[in-house]
Amino acid sequence: MIKVPLTVRGAELLKEELQRLKSVERPSVIEAIAEARSHGDLSENAEYEAAKERQAFVEGRIAELEGKLSNAQIINPAELDADGRIVFGTTVDLMDMESEDSVTYQIVGDDEADIKLGKVSVNSPIARALIGKEAGDVAEVMAPGGIREYEVLEVHYR
């Protein structure tokens, strides 16, 4: 089975979503189906069809989350000893060599990625270019507009 890398926070978020789906969404969908059934003929009942679709989505997401959590490899960046190298879970301060803008990213799993929060997927082009680099190194990233260069300013394990 393929291990799913997650940070400690990412695993907590998935567990919270799973709990919400099981304790709030699932009972709500069951109630909606029962309500729609009480309206009679199911063959022409749009509410019933919508509730069944929602149930399929909720059950599918529950199964997906349970699978990911059972195969999770939870990595705590604070416990890493990577000799200053960039690895999964690390937070990196970078400088765009062209614009001289500074950015900070944390390399996280696919489910945790949110560029607005500075979290990039370990499978993204920028993360793949950064893995293994150290402070002072320059990473070349293939971006839609061409190659971008980023200087690694600092690597944090937090």
C-alpha atoms as a PDB file:
ATOM      1  CA  MET A   1       0.000   0.000   0.000  1.00  0.00           C
ATOM      2  CA  ILE A   2       1.267   3.484  -0.838  1.00  0.00           C
ATOM      3  CA  LYS A   3       1.986   5.647   2.189  1.00  0.00           C
ATOM      4  CA  VAL A   4       0.323   9.084   2.218  1.00  0.00           C
ATOM      5  CA  PRO A   5       2.681  11.705   3.694  1.00  0.00           C
ATOM      6  CA  LEU A   6       0.960  14.110   6.088  1.00  0.00           C
ATOM      7  CA  THR A   7       2.141  16.654   8.577  1.00  0.00           C
ATOM      8  CA  VAL A   8       0.793  16.350  12.107  1.00  0.00           C
ATOM      9  CA  ARG A   9      -1.559  19.302  11.448  1.00  0.00           C
ATOM     10  CA  GLY A  10      -2.700  17.814   8.134  1.00  0.00           C
ATOM     11  CA  ALA A  11      -3.599  14.521   9.846  1.00  0.00           C
ATOM     12  CA  GLU A  12      -5.552  16.443  12.514  1.00  0.00           C
ATOM     13  CA  LEU A  13      -7.519  18.297   9.821  1.00  0.00           C
ATOM     14  CA  LEU A  14      -8.410  15.069   8.020  1.00  0.00           C
ATOM     15  CA  LYS A  15      -9.496  13.462  11.309  1.00  0.00           C
ATOM     16  CA  GLU A  16     -11.665  16.512  12.088  1.00  0.00           C
ATOM     17  CA  GLU A  17     -13.283  16.354   8.644  1.00  0.00           C
ATOM     18  CA  LEU A  18     -13.899  12.611   9.040  1.00  0.00           C
ATOM     19  CA  GLN A  19     -15.488  13.147  12.454  1.00  0.00           C
ATOM     20  CA  ARG A  20     -17.729  15.921  11.067  1.00  0.00           C
ATOM     21  CA  LEU A  21     -18.814  13.764   8.137  1.00  0.00           C
ATOM     22  CA  LYS A  22     -19.693  10.851  10.415  1.00  0.00           C
ATOM     23  CA  SER A  23     -21.365  12.794  13.205  1.00  0.00           C
ATOM     24  CA  VAL A  24     -23.054  15.674  11.339  1.00  0.00           C
ATOM     25  CA  GLU A  25     -23.253  15.089   7.578  1.00  0.00           C
ATOM     26  CA  ARG A  26     -24.181  11.395   7.587  1.00  0.00           C
ATOM     27  CA  PRO A  27     -27.126  11.796  10.039  1.00  0.00           C
ATOM     28  CA  SER A  28     -28.273  14.905   8.151  1.00  0.00           C
ATOM     29  CA  VAL A  29     -28.331  13.003   4.847  1.00  0.00           C
ATOM     30  CA  ILE A  30     -30.206  10.078   6.413  1.00  0.00           C
ATOM     31  CA  GLU A  31     -32.787  12.515   7.744  1.00  0.00           C
ATOM     32  CA  ALA A  32     -33.114  14.199   4.330  1.00  0.00           C
ATOM     33  CA  ILE A  33     -33.666  10.827   2.644  1.00  0.00           C
ATOM     34  CA  ALA A  34     -36.343   9.890   5.182  1.00  0.00           C
ATOM     35  CA  GLU A  35     -38.059  13.259   4.686  1.00  0.00           C
ATOM     36  CA  ALA A  36     -37.986  12.884   0.888  1.00  0.00           C
ATOM     37  CA  ARG A  37     -39.366   9.329   1.111  1.00  0.00           C
ATOM     38  CA  SER A  38     -42.313  10.593   3.116  1.00  0.00           C
ATOM     39  CA  HIS A  39     -43.354  12.722   0.138  1.00  0.00           C
ATOM     40  CA  GLY A  40     -44.436   9.684  -1.826  1.00  0.00           C
ATOM     41  CA  ASP A  41     -43.486   8.533  -5.333  1.00  0.00           C
ATOM     42  CA  LEU A  42     -39.693   8.200  -5.414  1.00  0.00           C
ATOM     43  CA  SER A  43     -39.460   7.953  -9.215  1.00  0.00           C
ATOM     44  CA  GLU A  44     -40.245  11.655  -9.669  1.00  0.00           C
ATOM     45  CA  ASN A  45     -38.891  12.948  -6.379  1.00  0.00           C
ATOM     46  CA  ALA A  46     -36.040  15.429  -6.981  1.00  0.00           C
ATOM     47  CA  GLU A  47     -35.424  15.862  -3.244  1.00  0.00           C
ATOM     48  CA  TYR A  48     -34.906  12.124  -2.873  1.00  0.00           C
ATOM     49  CA  GLU A  49     -32.470  12.014  -5.805  1.00  0.00           C
ATOM     50  CA  ALA A  50     -30.522  14.989  -4.426  1.00  0.00           C
ATOM     51  CA  ALA A  51     -30.331  13.409  -0.975  1.00  0.00           C
ATOM     52  CA  LYS A  52     -29.128  10.093  -2.444  1.00  0.00           C
ATOM     53  CA  GLU A  53     -26.436  11.923  -4.446  1.00  0.00           C
ATOM     54  CA  ARG A  54     -25.340  13.752  -1.306  1.00  0.00           C
ATOM     55  CA  GLN A  55     -25.252  10.435   0.565  1.00  0.00           C
ATOM     56  CA  ALA A  56     -23.036   8.908  -2.123  1.00  0.00           C
ATOM     57  CA  PHE A  57     -20.674  11.885  -1.910  1.00  0.00           C
ATOM     58  CA  VAL A  58     -20.491  11.778   1.911  1.00  0.00           C
ATOM     59  CA  GLU A  59     -19.925   8.006   2.017  1.00  0.00           C
ATOM     60  CA  GLY A  60     -17.291   8.256  -0.719  1.00  0.00           C
ATOM     61  CA  ARG A  61     -15.444  11.015   1.138  1.00  0.00           C
ATOM     62  CA  ILE A  62     -15.608   9.040   4.398  1.00  0.00           C
ATOM     63  CA  ALA A  63     -14.072   6.010   2.665  1.00  0.00           C
ATOM     64  CA  GLU A  64     -11.406   8.198   1.041  1.00  0.00           C
ATOM     65  CA  LEU A  65     -10.434   9.837   4.350  1.00  0.00           C
ATOM     66  CA  GLU A  66     -10.379   6.523   6.209  1.00  0.00           C
ATOM     67  CA  GLY A  67      -8.114   5.098   3.515  1.00  0.00           C
ATOM     68  CA  LYS A  68      -5.741   8.053   3.618  1.00  0.00           C
ATOM     69  CA  LEU A  69      -5.563   8.052   7.399  1.00  0.00           C
ATOM     70  CA  SER A  70      -4.965   4.292   7.563  1.00  0.00           C
ATOM     71  CA  ASN A  71      -2.077   4.674   5.092  1.00  0.00           C
ATOM     72  CA  ALA A  72      -0.784   7.936   6.533  1.00  0.00           C
ATOM     73  CA  GLN A  73       2.860   8.475   7.252  1.00  0.00           C
ATOM     74  CA  ILE A  74       2.634  11.317   9.758  1.00  0.00           C
ATOM     75  CA  ILE A  75       5.737  13.478   9.779  1.00  0.00           C
ATOM     76  CA  ASN A  76       6.447  16.028  12.496  1.00  0.00           C
ATOM     77  CA  PRO A  77       8.849  18.631  11.039  1.00  0.00           C
ATOM     78  CA  ALA A  78      10.019  19.607  14.544  1.00  0.00           C
ATOM     79  CA  GLU A  79      11.415  16.090  15.014  1.00  0.00           C
ATOM     80  CA  LEU A  80      13.308  15.973  11.712  1.00  0.00           C
ATOM     81  CA  ASP A  81      17.083  15.951  11.551  1.00  0.00           C
ATOM     82  CA  ALA A  82      17.804  16.650   7.911  1.00  0.00           C
ATOM     83  CA  ASP A  83      21.088  18.563   8.340  1.00  0.00           C
ATOM     84  CA  GLY A  84      19.587  21.789   7.001  1.00  0.00           C
ATOM     85  CA  ARG A  85      18.232  20.175   3.834  1.00  0.00           C
ATOM     86  CA  ILE A  86      14.710  20.763   2.571  1.00  0.00           C
ATOM     87  CA  VAL A  87      12.505  17.712   3.122  1.00  0.00           C
ATOM     88  CA  PHE A  88       8.788  17.027   3.483  1.00  0.00           C
ATOM     89  CA  GLY A  89       7.266  19.190   6.211  1.00  0.00           C
ATOM     90  CA  THR A  90       9.942  21.852   6.286  1.00  0.00           C
ATOM     91  CA  THR A  91       9.180  25.536   5.981  1.00  0.00           C
ATOM     92  CA  VAL A  92      11.368  27.417   3.542  1.00  0.00           C
ATOM     93  CA  ASP A  93      12.122  31.123   3.103  1.00  0.00           C
ATOM     94  CA  LEU A  94      12.869  31.862  -0.548  1.00  0.00           C
ATOM     95  CA  MET A  95      13.766  34.846  -2.659  1.00  0.00           C
ATOM     96  CA  ASP A  96      12.638  35.064  -6.278  1.00  0.00           C
ATOM     97  CA  MET A  97      15.910  35.856  -8.075  1.00  0.00           C
ATOM     98  CA  GLU A  98      14.156  37.905 -10.772  1.00  0.00           C
ATOM     99  CA  SER A  99      11.773  40.055  -8.717  1.00  0.00           C
ATOM    100  CA  GLU A 100      13.686  39.798  -5.407  1.00  0.00           C
ATOM    101  CA  ASP A 101      10.351  39.112  -3.667  1.00  0.00           C
ATOM    102  CA  SER A 102      10.557  36.920  -0.579  1.00  0.00           C
ATOM    103  CA  VAL A 103       8.106  34.069  -0.010  1.00  0.00           C
ATOM    104  CA  THR A 104       7.710  31.385   2.624  1.00  0.00           C
ATOM    105  CA  TYR A 105       6.342  27.934   1.850  1.00  0.00           C
ATOM    106  CA  GLN A 106       5.802  24.771   3.834  1.00  0.00           C
ATOM    107  CA  ILE A 107       6.073  21.530   1.890  1.00  0.00           C
ATOM    108  CA  VAL A 108       3.031  19.420   2.746  1.00  0.00           C
ATOM    109  CA  GLY A 109       0.917  16.547   1.427  1.00  0.00           C
ATOM    110  CA  ASP A 110      -1.559  16.930  -1.427  1.00  0.00           C
ATOM    111  CA  ASP A 111      -4.557  17.205   0.922  1.00  0.00           C
ATOM    112  CA  GLU A 112      -2.953  19.981   2.955  1.00  0.00           C
ATOM    113  CA  ALA A 113      -1.771  22.154   0.072  1.00  0.00           C
ATOM    114  CA  ASP A 114      -3.175  25.696   0.033  1.00  0.00           C
ATOM    115  CA  ILE A 115      -1.056  28.308  -1.708  1.00  0.00           C
ATOM    116  CA  LYS A 116      -2.932  31.137   0.032  1.00  0.00           C
ATOM    117  CA  LEU A 117      -1.656  29.752   3.341  1.00  0.00           C
ATOM    118  CA  GLY A 118       1.854  29.202   1.995  1.00  0.00           C
ATOM    119  CA  LYS A 119       1.483  25.416   1.864  1.00  0.00           C
ATOM    120  CA  VAL A 120       2.668  23.729  -1.329  1.00  0.00           C
ATOM    121  CA  SER A 121       2.175  20.104  -2.275  1.00  0.00           C
ATOM    122  CA  VAL A 122       5.225  17.860  -2.139  1.00  0.00           C
ATOM    123  CA  ASN A 123       4.254  16.899  -5.706  1.00  0.00           C
ATOM    124  CA  SER A 124       4.260  20.488  -7.021  1.00  0.00           C
ATOM    125  CA  PRO A 125       7.044  21.651  -9.349  1.00  0.00           C
ATOM    126  CA  ILE A 126       8.406  24.099  -6.774  1.00  0.00           C
ATOM    127  CA  ALA A 127       8.548  21.489  -3.993  1.00  0.00           C
ATOM    128  CA  ARG A 128      10.196  18.936  -6.276  1.00  0.00           C
ATOM    129  CA  ALA A 129      12.831  21.544  -7.202  1.00  0.00           C
ATOM    130  CA  LEU A 130      13.435  22.437  -3.549  1.00  0.00           C
ATOM    131  CA  ILE A 131      13.717  18.953  -2.003  1.00  0.00           C
ATOM    132  CA  GLY A 132      17.315  18.297  -0.981  1.00  0.00           C
ATOM    133  CA  LYS A 133      18.432  21.934  -1.249  1.00  0.00           C
ATOM    134  CA  GLU A 134      19.978  23.902   1.636  1.00  0.00           C
ATOM    135  CA  ALA A 135      20.204  27.574   2.591  1.00  0.00           C
ATOM    136  CA  GLY A 136      22.243  29.389  -0.039  1.00  0.00           C
ATOM    137  CA  ASP A 137      21.294  27.003  -2.858  1.00  0.00           C
ATOM    138  CA  VAL A 138      19.377  28.144  -5.939  1.00  0.00           C
ATOM    139  CA  ALA A 139      16.443  26.074  -7.162  1.00  0.00           C
ATOM    140  CA  GLU A 140      15.264  26.225 -10.763  1.00  0.00           C
ATOM    141  CA  VAL A 141      11.514  25.772 -11.062  1.00  0.00           C
ATOM    142  CA  MET A 142       9.761  25.088 -14.347  1.00  0.00           C
ATOM    143  CA  ALA A 143       6.785  27.451 -14.208  1.00  0.00           C
ATOM    144  CA  PRO A 144       4.127  28.121 -16.876  1.00  0.00           C
ATOM    145  CA  GLY A 145       5.982  31.318 -17.853  1.00  0.00           C
ATOM    146  CA  GLY A 146       9.359  29.593 -18.088  1.00  0.00           C
ATOM    147  CA  ILE A 147      12.119  28.759 -15.636  1.00  0.00           C
ATOM    148  CA  ARG A 148      12.089  30.702 -12.349  1.00  0.00           C
ATOM    149  CA  GLU A 149      14.996  30.732  -9.954  1.00  0.00           C
ATOM    150  CA  TYR A 150      14.611  30.882  -6.181  1.00  0.00           C
ATOM    151  CA  GLU A 151      17.403  31.292  -3.678  1.00  0.00           C
ATOM    152  CA  VAL A 152      16.893  29.325  -0.469  1.00  0.00           C
ATOM    153  CA  LEU A 153      17.309  31.853   2.345  1.00  0.00           C
ATOM    154  CA  GLU A 154      16.463  29.690   5.341  1.00  0.00           C
ATOM    155  CA  VAL A 155      15.093  26.230   6.180  1.00  0.00           C
ATOM    156  CA  HIS A 156      12.911  25.777   9.278  1.00  0.00           C
ATOM    157  CA  TYR A 157      11.849  22.560  10.998  1.00  0.00           C
ATOM    158  CA  ARG A 158       8.755  23.586  12.933  1.00  0.00           C
END
